[in-house]
Structure formats: C-alpha cells, structure tokens
Amino acid sequence: MAEFDTIRAGVGARAAQIDEGLRAHMNKVYGTMSVGTFITFLAAWAIAGLAVTNDPSGASAQLSQDKYLTSIGYALYASPLKWVIMFAPLAFVFGFSAALNRMSAAGAQLLFYVFATVMGLSISSIFLVFTGESIVQVFLITSIAFAGLSLYGYTTKKDLSGMGTFLIMGLIGLIVASVVNIFLASSAMAFAISVIGVLIFAGLTAYDTQKIKVTYIQMAESGDQEWLGKAAIMGALSLYLDFINMFMMLLSLLGNRE
C-alpha cells in the first residue's frame, strides 16, 4: 500500500503519536459499530416478540399451527406499511450522509443509534422466518468472518482502493436485483443474490477497513477532532452495514426456516 507507506514516512517523529491515535480511532469505530449492532438485534427481537402470539384470541392473522400475528405484527408485516419499513434503512443512509456535515460528532453518533433501531425494525421478521438457533449460529459465523476480513484490511500492505469501484458497482447491481426479485419471487435469483452478496460484502469489509485507516492517517495532521469524531461514526456506519448485510445474506443461505 504505497500511499500508506508514503504518508507514514512523511510524518517522521510523529509516527508513534499517529499510530496511537489510529488505535484509539479504530477502537471508537469498532465500539460504535458493536453498540449499533447490539441495538439492532435487541430491537429486532423485541419487535418480533410484540408481533407474534400463541393466543389465537384477538389475533389478526395465523402464521403457523401455533403462531399468530398480533395487530402490531399485521401492521408491520402484512399491511402496506411493510414497504415503508423495508426501504426505510436505505432512505436513512442517504439522509445520514447528507446531514453529516451539518451535525456535531455527538449528534451523528445519536443519529447512528437511531438508524440502528430502524434497521432492527426492518429485519425483525427474521425471528418469524428462521429458528432462533440458526440465527445465533449464522451471527457467530458472520462475526468470525467479519473479524478476519477486517483484520486483513487493517494489516495488509496491498492497496485495496482499486476494489472500490468494482464493489460499489456490484452493490448497486445487487440492490436493483433485490428490488426486482421482490416482485418476481424467484428462488433461484434469491440464491444467486445471496451468494454474490456475501462476496461483495466480504470485499467491502476489507476495503472499508483499509479506507478508514488511510483516511485517519491522511487527516491526523489537521488535528480537527470534530472531523475525526464524525469520520469515526461514518466508519462505524460503513462496517455496520457490511456486517448486517453479510449476516442477512448468510442467513438466507444457511438459516433453518420455521
């Protein structure tokens, strides 16, 4: 990674100080991402608990022999509101990026946690579709894979910036294909989307980790702590999205359905 080596060589005596700052920066990125991930799954589990009941009296719809949708569940998963919930995280991401420059670092962090809650609402249906055991298993698999890929992105000397354009183009194609398949409901297409999605988000995990690292080193000389605080939140958001999407793709491939 030639750019990284050039930057490191140019700072001279400040290299150790920048390394220390980089470690603190990455710890904040991973810490914020971890809290956001916890909020998402806690919100998803809690909302799913409100959406399903074993009591048929007052239920709005039947899911299986002994599971029924409550009025909340029907509104979330069977009414037109489901389309708003489905696309809310995507709209939120665009809004987050547009509003970041006008916000403080603390405001950006709060908004990230609000977004994590919205994402929990959006993916809460996994607790209705998949067994709890398979959700836990896939979460652990995703965590191990994510840790390895992120560590590679942080430690490799290879410049991964060339992957960026290719991965973003693949991501756009993946989003378009996913929207189309909502209406086609093709199982073969869903399988292909999941397999390709795992590969894309695996690559993005390594790429985004290296990008966060290089960006910090480039801007460390400025001493702008407010900007660095916002950069940590945006880095956490990038890695959070990589993790959640990789998890969802793997769950569709490996998860056991109810």
C-alpha atoms as a PDB file:
ATOM      1  CA  MET A   1       0.000   0.000   0.000  1.00  0.00           C
ATOM      2  CA  ALA A   2       2.252   2.714  -1.359  1.00  0.00           C
ATOM      3  CA  GLU A   3       0.108   5.665  -0.278  1.00  0.00           C
ATOM      4  CA  PHE A   4       0.067   4.483   3.314  1.00  0.00           C
ATOM      5  CA  ASP A   5       3.849   3.993   3.392  1.00  0.00           C
ATOM      6  CA  THR A   6       4.427   7.452   1.889  1.00  0.00           C
ATOM      7  CA  ILE A   7       2.197   9.100   4.471  1.00  0.00           C
ATOM      8  CA  ARG A   8       3.863   7.223   7.336  1.00  0.00           C
ATOM      9  CA  ALA A   9       7.345   8.172   6.106  1.00  0.00           C
ATOM     10  CA  GLY A  10       6.367  11.845   5.886  1.00  0.00           C
ATOM     11  CA  VAL A  11       5.300  12.267   9.479  1.00  0.00           C
ATOM     12  CA  GLY A  12       8.734  11.366  10.868  1.00  0.00           C
ATOM     13  CA  ALA A  13       8.838  11.701  14.650  1.00  0.00           C
ATOM     14  CA  ARG A  14       5.069  11.878  14.884  1.00  0.00           C
ATOM     15  CA  ALA A  15       4.656   8.307  13.595  1.00  0.00           C
ATOM     16  CA  ALA A  16       4.277   6.836  17.083  1.00  0.00           C
ATOM     17  CA  GLN A  17       1.759   9.500  18.057  1.00  0.00           C
ATOM     18  CA  ILE A  18      -0.280   8.893  14.906  1.00  0.00           C
ATOM     19  CA  ASP A  19      -0.172   5.141  15.492  1.00  0.00           C
ATOM     20  CA  GLU A  20      -1.553   5.685  18.992  1.00  0.00           C
ATOM     21  CA  GLY A  21      -4.260   7.973  17.638  1.00  0.00           C
ATOM     22  CA  LEU A  22      -5.089   5.441  14.932  1.00  0.00           C
ATOM     23  CA  ARG A  23      -5.597   2.701  17.505  1.00  0.00           C
ATOM     24  CA  ALA A  24      -7.915   4.947  19.519  1.00  0.00           C
ATOM     25  CA  HIS A  25      -9.781   5.892  16.333  1.00  0.00           C
ATOM     26  CA  MET A  26     -10.276   2.271  15.274  1.00  0.00           C
ATOM     27  CA  ASN A  27     -11.369   1.327  18.798  1.00  0.00           C
ATOM     28  CA  LYS A  28     -14.047   4.028  18.580  1.00  0.00           C
ATOM     29  CA  VAL A  29     -15.117   2.792  15.149  1.00  0.00           C
ATOM     30  CA  TYR A  30     -15.437  -0.828  16.295  1.00  0.00           C
ATOM     31  CA  GLY A  31     -17.009   0.157  19.607  1.00  0.00           C
ATOM     32  CA  THR A  32     -19.662   2.333  17.968  1.00  0.00           C
ATOM     33  CA  MET A  33     -20.360  -0.349  15.390  1.00  0.00           C
ATOM     34  CA  SER A  34     -20.702  -3.024  18.103  1.00  0.00           C
ATOM     35  CA  VAL A  35     -23.166  -0.934  20.121  1.00  0.00           C
ATOM     36  CA  GLY A  36     -25.166  -0.256  16.958  1.00  0.00           C
ATOM     37  CA  THR A  37     -25.245  -3.970  16.122  1.00  0.00           C
ATOM     38  CA  PHE A  38     -26.411  -4.819  19.657  1.00  0.00           C
ATOM     39  CA  ILE A  39     -29.191  -2.203  19.417  1.00  0.00           C
ATOM     40  CA  THR A  40     -30.304  -3.609  16.059  1.00  0.00           C
ATOM     41  CA  PHE A  41     -30.670  -7.199  17.223  1.00  0.00           C
ATOM     42  CA  LEU A  42     -32.221  -6.196  20.548  1.00  0.00           C
ATOM     43  CA  ALA A  43     -34.773  -4.038  18.721  1.00  0.00           C
ATOM     44  CA  ALA A  44     -35.464  -6.796  16.170  1.00  0.00           C
ATOM     45  CA  TRP A  45     -36.010  -9.396  18.914  1.00  0.00           C
ATOM     46  CA  ALA A  46     -38.246  -7.084  20.971  1.00  0.00           C
ATOM     47  CA  ILE A  47     -40.374  -6.034  17.987  1.00  0.00           C
ATOM     48  CA  ALA A  48     -40.769  -9.635  16.816  1.00  0.00           C
ATOM     49  CA  GLY A  49     -41.915 -10.516  20.331  1.00  0.00           C
ATOM     50  CA  LEU A  50     -44.674  -7.910  20.090  1.00  0.00           C
ATOM     51  CA  ALA A  51     -45.664  -9.067  16.607  1.00  0.00           C
ATOM     52  CA  VAL A  52     -46.288 -12.749  17.355  1.00  0.00           C
ATOM     53  CA  THR A  53     -48.501 -14.510  19.879  1.00  0.00           C
ATOM     54  CA  ASN A  54     -49.540 -18.075  20.676  1.00  0.00           C
ATOM     55  CA  ASP A  55     -53.013 -16.922  21.691  1.00  0.00           C
ATOM     56  CA  PRO A  56     -55.486 -17.042  18.788  1.00  0.00           C
ATOM     57  CA  SER A  57     -57.976 -14.762  20.534  1.00  0.00           C
ATOM     58  CA  GLY A  58     -57.642 -11.281  19.154  1.00  0.00           C
ATOM     59  CA  ALA A  59     -55.011 -12.367  16.606  1.00  0.00           C
ATOM     60  CA  SER A  60     -55.044 -10.648  13.231  1.00  0.00           C
ATOM     61  CA  ALA A  61     -53.649 -13.492  11.129  1.00  0.00           C
ATOM     62  CA  GLN A  62     -52.290 -17.023  11.507  1.00  0.00           C
ATOM     63  CA  LEU A  63     -48.645 -17.753  10.724  1.00  0.00           C
ATOM     64  CA  SER A  64     -48.493 -21.454  11.543  1.00  0.00           C
ATOM     65  CA  GLN A  65     -50.314 -24.023  13.605  1.00  0.00           C
ATOM     66  CA  ASP A  66     -49.486 -22.325  16.907  1.00  0.00           C
ATOM     67  CA  LYS A  67     -48.290 -18.841  15.907  1.00  0.00           C
ATOM     68  CA  TYR A  68     -50.407 -15.819  15.163  1.00  0.00           C
ATOM     69  CA  LEU A  69     -49.771 -12.212  14.185  1.00  0.00           C
ATOM     70  CA  THR A  70     -50.882  -9.568  16.630  1.00  0.00           C
ATOM     71  CA  SER A  71     -52.348  -6.305  15.355  1.00  0.00           C
ATOM     72  CA  ILE A  72     -48.840  -4.835  15.577  1.00  0.00           C
ATOM     73  CA  GLY A  73     -47.415  -7.737  13.596  1.00  0.00           C
ATOM     74  CA  TYR A  74     -50.103  -7.427  10.947  1.00  0.00           C
ATOM     75  CA  ALA A  75     -49.390  -3.703  10.558  1.00  0.00           C
ATOM     76  CA  LEU A  76     -45.632  -4.308  10.289  1.00  0.00           C
ATOM     77  CA  TYR A  77     -45.567  -7.349   8.017  1.00  0.00           C
ATOM     78  CA  ALA A  78     -48.895  -7.620   6.171  1.00  0.00           C
ATOM     79  CA  SER A  79     -50.147  -4.072   5.615  1.00  0.00           C
ATOM     80  CA  PRO A  80     -48.773  -1.528   3.096  1.00  0.00           C
ATOM     81  CA  LEU A  81     -46.631  -0.196   5.961  1.00  0.00           C
ATOM     82  CA  LYS A  82     -44.260  -3.114   5.305  1.00  0.00           C
ATOM     83  CA  TRP A  83     -42.942  -1.312   2.198  1.00  0.00           C
ATOM     84  CA  VAL A  84     -42.046   1.760   4.242  1.00  0.00           C
ATOM     85  CA  ILE A  85     -40.283  -0.408   6.822  1.00  0.00           C
ATOM     86  CA  MET A  86     -38.447  -2.346   4.107  1.00  0.00           C
ATOM     87  CA  PHE A  87     -36.963   0.711   2.408  1.00  0.00           C
ATOM     88  CA  ALA A  88     -36.599   2.974   5.458  1.00  0.00           C
ATOM     89  CA  PRO A  89     -32.960   1.974   6.175  1.00  0.00           C
ATOM     90  CA  LEU A  90     -31.902   2.770   2.595  1.00  0.00           C
ATOM     91  CA  ALA A  91     -33.512   6.223   2.768  1.00  0.00           C
ATOM     92  CA  PHE A  92     -31.982   6.733   6.207  1.00  0.00           C
ATOM     93  CA  VAL A  93     -28.457   6.065   4.909  1.00  0.00           C
ATOM     94  CA  PHE A  94     -28.780   8.699   2.191  1.00  0.00           C
ATOM     95  CA  GLY A  95     -30.225  11.182   4.670  1.00  0.00           C
ATOM     96  CA  PHE A  96     -27.484  10.431   7.193  1.00  0.00           C
ATOM     97  CA  SER A  97     -24.730  11.142   4.664  1.00  0.00           C
ATOM     98  CA  ALA A  98     -26.382  14.385   3.530  1.00  0.00           C
ATOM     99  CA  ALA A  99     -26.888  15.683   7.083  1.00  0.00           C
ATOM    100  CA  LEU A 100     -23.479  14.715   8.488  1.00  0.00           C
ATOM    101  CA  ASN A 101     -21.670  17.967   7.656  1.00  0.00           C
ATOM    102  CA  ARG A 102     -24.308  19.994   9.492  1.00  0.00           C
ATOM    103  CA  MET A 103     -24.181  17.874  12.650  1.00  0.00           C
ATOM    104  CA  SER A 104     -21.836  17.606  15.598  1.00  0.00           C
ATOM    105  CA  ALA A 105     -19.986  14.342  16.244  1.00  0.00           C
ATOM    106  CA  ALA A 106     -22.264  13.649  19.222  1.00  0.00           C
ATOM    107  CA  GLY A 107     -25.353  14.296  17.088  1.00  0.00           C
ATOM    108  CA  ALA A 108     -24.036  11.977  14.381  1.00  0.00           C
ATOM    109  CA  GLN A 109     -23.477   9.222  16.927  1.00  0.00           C
ATOM    110  CA  LEU A 110     -27.018   9.598  18.280  1.00  0.00           C
ATOM    111  CA  LEU A 111     -28.418   9.510  14.744  1.00  0.00           C
ATOM    112  CA  PHE A 112     -26.435   6.345  14.055  1.00  0.00           C
ATOM    113  CA  TYR A 113     -28.056   4.642  17.049  1.00  0.00           C
ATOM    114  CA  VAL A 114     -31.491   5.780  15.854  1.00  0.00           C
ATOM    115  CA  PHE A 115     -30.666   4.268  12.461  1.00  0.00           C
ATOM    116  CA  ALA A 116     -29.608   1.012  14.158  1.00  0.00           C
ATOM    117  CA  THR A 117     -33.032   0.882  15.822  1.00  0.00           C
ATOM    118  CA  VAL A 118     -34.774   1.463  12.481  1.00  0.00           C
ATOM    119  CA  MET A 119     -32.685  -1.334  10.977  1.00  0.00           C
ATOM    120  CA  GLY A 120     -33.796  -3.600  13.822  1.00  0.00           C
ATOM    121  CA  LEU A 121     -37.404  -2.871  12.908  1.00  0.00           C
ATOM    122  CA  SER A 122     -36.655  -3.611   9.252  1.00  0.00           C
ATOM    123  CA  ILE A 123     -35.046  -7.018   9.879  1.00  0.00           C
ATOM    124  CA  SER A 124     -37.258  -8.102  12.803  1.00  0.00           C
ATOM    125  CA  SER A 125     -39.102 -10.564  10.557  1.00  0.00           C
ATOM    126  CA  ILE A 126     -36.080 -12.898  10.696  1.00  0.00           C
ATOM    127  CA  PHE A 127     -37.331 -14.046  14.114  1.00  0.00           C
ATOM    128  CA  LEU A 128     -40.592 -15.101  12.468  1.00  0.00           C
ATOM    129  CA  VAL A 129     -38.971 -16.841   9.497  1.00  0.00           C
ATOM    130  CA  PHE A 130     -35.871 -18.534  10.947  1.00  0.00           C
ATOM    131  CA  THR A 131     -35.257 -20.571  14.075  1.00  0.00           C
ATOM    132  CA  GLY A 132     -33.537 -18.820  16.967  1.00  0.00           C
ATOM    133  CA  GLU A 133     -30.746 -21.397  16.944  1.00  0.00           C
ATOM    134  CA  SER A 134     -29.888 -20.802  13.293  1.00  0.00           C
ATOM    135  CA  ILE A 135     -29.921 -17.020  13.806  1.00  0.00           C
ATOM    136  CA  VAL A 136     -27.366 -17.377  16.609  1.00  0.00           C
ATOM    137  CA  GLN A 137     -25.233 -19.775  14.560  1.00  0.00           C
ATOM    138  CA  VAL A 138     -25.176 -17.516  11.497  1.00  0.00           C
ATOM    139  CA  PHE A 139     -24.440 -14.500  13.704  1.00  0.00           C
ATOM    140  CA  LEU A 140     -21.368 -16.267  15.094  1.00  0.00           C
ATOM    141  CA  ILE A 141     -20.246 -17.321  11.610  1.00  0.00           C
ATOM    142  CA  THR A 142     -20.654 -13.751  10.371  1.00  0.00           C
ATOM    143  CA  SER A 143     -18.761 -12.365  13.370  1.00  0.00           C
ATOM    144  CA  ILE A 144     -15.785 -14.669  12.778  1.00  0.00           C
ATOM    145  CA  ALA A 145     -15.723 -13.940   9.036  1.00  0.00           C
ATOM    146  CA  PHE A 146     -16.079 -10.194   9.617  1.00  0.00           C
ATOM    147  CA  ALA A 147     -13.269 -10.140  12.176  1.00  0.00           C
ATOM    148  CA  GLY A 148     -10.910 -11.971   9.816  1.00  0.00           C
ATOM    149  CA  LEU A 149     -11.750  -9.793   6.815  1.00  0.00           C
ATOM    150  CA  SER A 150     -11.474  -6.556   8.780  1.00  0.00           C
ATOM    151  CA  LEU A 151      -8.159  -7.639  10.279  1.00  0.00           C
ATOM    152  CA  TYR A 152      -6.893  -8.360   6.769  1.00  0.00           C
ATOM    153  CA  GLY A 153      -7.987  -4.930   5.586  1.00  0.00           C
ATOM    154  CA  TYR A 154      -6.230  -3.291   8.526  1.00  0.00           C
ATOM    155  CA  THR A 155      -2.936  -5.163   8.304  1.00  0.00           C
ATOM    156  CA  THR A 156      -2.401  -5.796   4.589  1.00  0.00           C
ATOM    157  CA  LYS A 157       0.196  -3.769   2.705  1.00  0.00           C
ATOM    158  CA  LYS A 158      -1.731  -4.326  -0.523  1.00  0.00           C
ATOM    159  CA  ASP A 159      -3.643  -1.302  -1.796  1.00  0.00           C
ATOM    160  CA  LEU A 160      -7.316  -2.289  -1.905  1.00  0.00           C
ATOM    161  CA  SER A 161      -8.564   1.013  -3.302  1.00  0.00           C
ATOM    162  CA  GLY A 162      -8.811  -0.490  -6.797  1.00  0.00           C
ATOM    163  CA  MET A 163     -11.538  -2.808  -5.499  1.00  0.00           C
ATOM    164  CA  GLY A 164     -13.752   0.109  -4.502  1.00  0.00           C
ATOM    165  CA  THR A 165     -15.316   0.968  -7.868  1.00  0.00           C
ATOM    166  CA  PHE A 166     -15.883  -2.682  -8.737  1.00  0.00           C
ATOM    167  CA  LEU A 167     -17.519  -3.411  -5.358  1.00  0.00           C
ATOM    168  CA  ILE A 168     -19.765  -0.332  -5.441  1.00  0.00           C
ATOM    169  CA  MET A 169     -20.930  -1.211  -8.962  1.00  0.00           C
ATOM    170  CA  GLY A 170     -21.640  -4.740  -7.772  1.00  0.00           C
ATOM    171  CA  LEU A 171     -23.552  -3.369  -4.782  1.00  0.00           C
ATOM    172  CA  ILE A 172     -25.744  -1.176  -6.999  1.00  0.00           C
ATOM    173  CA  GLY A 173     -26.494  -4.165  -9.211  1.00  0.00           C
ATOM    174  CA  LEU A 174     -27.285  -6.239  -6.129  1.00  0.00           C
ATOM    175  CA  ILE A 175     -29.777  -3.643  -4.848  1.00  0.00           C
ATOM    176  CA  VAL A 176     -31.506  -3.448  -8.226  1.00  0.00           C
ATOM    177  CA  ALA A 177     -31.694  -7.253  -8.492  1.00  0.00           C
ATOM    178  CA  SER A 178     -33.083  -7.499  -4.940  1.00  0.00           C
ATOM    179  CA  VAL A 179     -35.830  -4.969  -5.677  1.00  0.00           C
ATOM    180  CA  VAL A 180     -36.744  -6.769  -8.913  1.00  0.00           C
ATOM    181  CA  ASN A 181     -36.892 -10.109  -7.124  1.00  0.00           C
ATOM    182  CA  ILE A 182     -39.372  -8.734  -4.604  1.00  0.00           C
ATOM    183  CA  PHE A 183     -41.893  -8.875  -7.460  1.00  0.00           C
ATOM    184  CA  LEU A 184     -40.516 -11.941  -9.272  1.00  0.00           C
ATOM    185  CA  ALA A 185     -40.094 -14.033  -6.105  1.00  0.00           C
ATOM    186  CA  SER A 186     -37.616 -16.304  -7.876  1.00  0.00           C
ATOM    187  CA  SER A 187     -35.880 -18.743  -5.511  1.00  0.00           C
ATOM    188  CA  ALA A 188     -33.002 -19.241  -7.963  1.00  0.00           C
ATOM    189  CA  MET A 189     -32.472 -15.499  -8.252  1.00  0.00           C
ATOM    190  CA  ALA A 190     -32.681 -15.126  -4.465  1.00  0.00           C
ATOM    191  CA  PHE A 191     -29.982 -17.775  -4.072  1.00  0.00           C
ATOM    192  CA  ALA A 192     -27.721 -16.048  -6.605  1.00  0.00           C
ATOM    193  CA  ILE A 193     -28.270 -12.673  -4.896  1.00  0.00           C
ATOM    194  CA  SER A 194     -27.294 -14.150  -1.538  1.00  0.00           C
ATOM    195  CA  VAL A 195     -24.123 -15.813  -2.837  1.00  0.00           C
ATOM    196  CA  ILE A 196     -22.969 -12.729  -4.738  1.00  0.00           C
ATOM    197  CA  GLY A 197     -23.970 -10.527  -1.814  1.00  0.00           C
ATOM    198  CA  VAL A 198     -21.767 -12.470   0.615  1.00  0.00           C
ATOM    199  CA  LEU A 199     -18.791 -11.997  -1.721  1.00  0.00           C
ATOM    200  CA  ILE A 200     -19.467  -8.281  -2.227  1.00  0.00           C
ATOM    201  CA  PHE A 201     -19.840  -7.502   1.480  1.00  0.00           C
ATOM    202  CA  ALA A 202     -16.810  -9.632   2.323  1.00  0.00           C
ATOM    203  CA  GLY A 203     -14.782  -7.497  -0.066  1.00  0.00           C
ATOM    204  CA  LEU A 204     -16.324  -4.285   1.264  1.00  0.00           C
ATOM    205  CA  THR A 205     -15.401  -5.234   4.835  1.00  0.00           C
ATOM    206  CA  ALA A 206     -11.698  -5.385   3.980  1.00  0.00           C
ATOM    207  CA  TYR A 207     -11.899  -2.356   1.670  1.00  0.00           C
ATOM    208  CA  ASP A 208     -13.789  -0.156   4.146  1.00  0.00           C
ATOM    209  CA  THR A 209     -11.439  -1.076   7.000  1.00  0.00           C
ATOM    210  CA  GLN A 210      -8.405  -0.026   4.984  1.00  0.00           C
ATOM    211  CA  LYS A 211     -10.177   3.143   3.831  1.00  0.00           C
ATOM    212  CA  ILE A 212     -10.961   4.130   7.435  1.00  0.00           C
ATOM    213  CA  LYS A 213      -7.314   3.583   8.379  1.00  0.00           C
ATOM    214  CA  VAL A 214      -5.879   5.556   5.447  1.00  0.00           C
ATOM    215  CA  THR A 215      -8.363   8.400   5.893  1.00  0.00           C
ATOM    216  CA  TYR A 216      -7.368   8.808   9.528  1.00  0.00           C
ATOM    217  CA  ILE A 217      -3.646   8.903   8.688  1.00  0.00           C
ATOM    218  CA  GLN A 218      -4.233  11.443   5.942  1.00  0.00           C
ATOM    219  CA  MET A 219      -6.182  13.746   8.253  1.00  0.00           C
ATOM    220  CA  ALA A 220      -4.301  13.190  11.533  1.00  0.00           C
ATOM    221  CA  GLU A 221      -2.039  16.202  10.910  1.00  0.00           C
ATOM    222  CA  SER A 222      -5.030  18.563  10.814  1.00  0.00           C
ATOM    223  CA  GLY A 223      -5.860  17.945  14.465  1.00  0.00           C
ATOM    224  CA  ASP A 224      -9.555  18.555  13.755  1.00  0.00           C
ATOM    225  CA  GLN A 225     -11.074  16.409  16.494  1.00  0.00           C
ATOM    226  CA  GLU A 226     -14.642  17.221  15.478  1.00  0.00           C
ATOM    227  CA  TRP A 227     -13.987  15.989  11.944  1.00  0.00           C
ATOM    228  CA  LEU A 228     -12.193  12.887  13.213  1.00  0.00           C
ATOM    229  CA  GLY A 229     -15.152  12.170  15.503  1.00  0.00           C
ATOM    230  CA  LYS A 230     -17.530  12.318  12.542  1.00  0.00           C
ATOM    231  CA  ALA A 231     -15.154  10.170  10.497  1.00  0.00           C
ATOM    232  CA  ALA A 232     -15.279   7.519  13.218  1.00  0.00           C
ATOM    233  CA  ILE A 233     -19.093   7.479  13.083  1.00  0.00           C
ATOM    234  CA  MET A 234     -19.102   7.196   9.289  1.00  0.00           C
ATOM    235  CA  GLY A 235     -16.532   4.414   9.518  1.00  0.00           C
ATOM    236  CA  ALA A 236     -18.693   2.614  12.065  1.00  0.00           C
ATOM    237  CA  LEU A 237     -21.704   3.017   9.764  1.00  0.00           C
ATOM    238  CA  SER A 238     -19.802   1.537   6.809  1.00  0.00           C
ATOM    239  CA  LEU A 239     -18.629  -1.514   8.747  1.00  0.00           C
ATOM    240  CA  TYR A 240     -22.018  -1.904  10.431  1.00  0.00           C
ATOM    241  CA  LEU A 241     -23.735  -2.066   7.039  1.00  0.00           C
ATOM    242  CA  ASP A 242     -21.146  -4.577   5.808  1.00  0.00           C
ATOM    243  CA  PHE A 243     -21.782  -6.791   8.842  1.00  0.00           C
ATOM    244  CA  ILE A 244     -25.587  -6.615   8.799  1.00  0.00           C
ATOM    245  CA  ASN A 245     -25.825  -7.263   5.070  1.00  0.00           C
ATOM    246  CA  MET A 246     -23.324 -10.134   5.193  1.00  0.00           C
ATOM    247  CA  PHE A 247     -25.337 -11.617   8.069  1.00  0.00           C
ATOM    248  CA  MET A 248     -28.619 -11.344   6.151  1.00  0.00           C
ATOM    249  CA  MET A 249     -27.115 -12.939   3.035  1.00  0.00           C
ATOM    250  CA  LEU A 250     -25.600 -15.805   5.019  1.00  0.00           C
ATOM    251  CA  LEU A 251     -28.845 -16.290   6.953  1.00  0.00           C
ATOM    252  CA  SER A 252     -30.790 -16.729   3.719  1.00  0.00           C
ATOM    253  CA  LEU A 253     -28.236 -19.344   2.634  1.00  0.00           C
ATOM    254  CA  LEU A 254     -27.618 -21.203   5.900  1.00  0.00           C
ATOM    255  CA  GLY A 255     -30.571 -20.419   8.154  1.00  0.00           C
ATOM    256  CA  ASN A 256     -33.155 -23.064   9.122  1.00  0.00           C
ATOM    257  CA  ARG A 257     -36.669 -21.821   8.480  1.00  0.00           C
ATOM    258  CA  GLU A 258     -39.540 -22.174  10.926  1.00  0.00           C
END
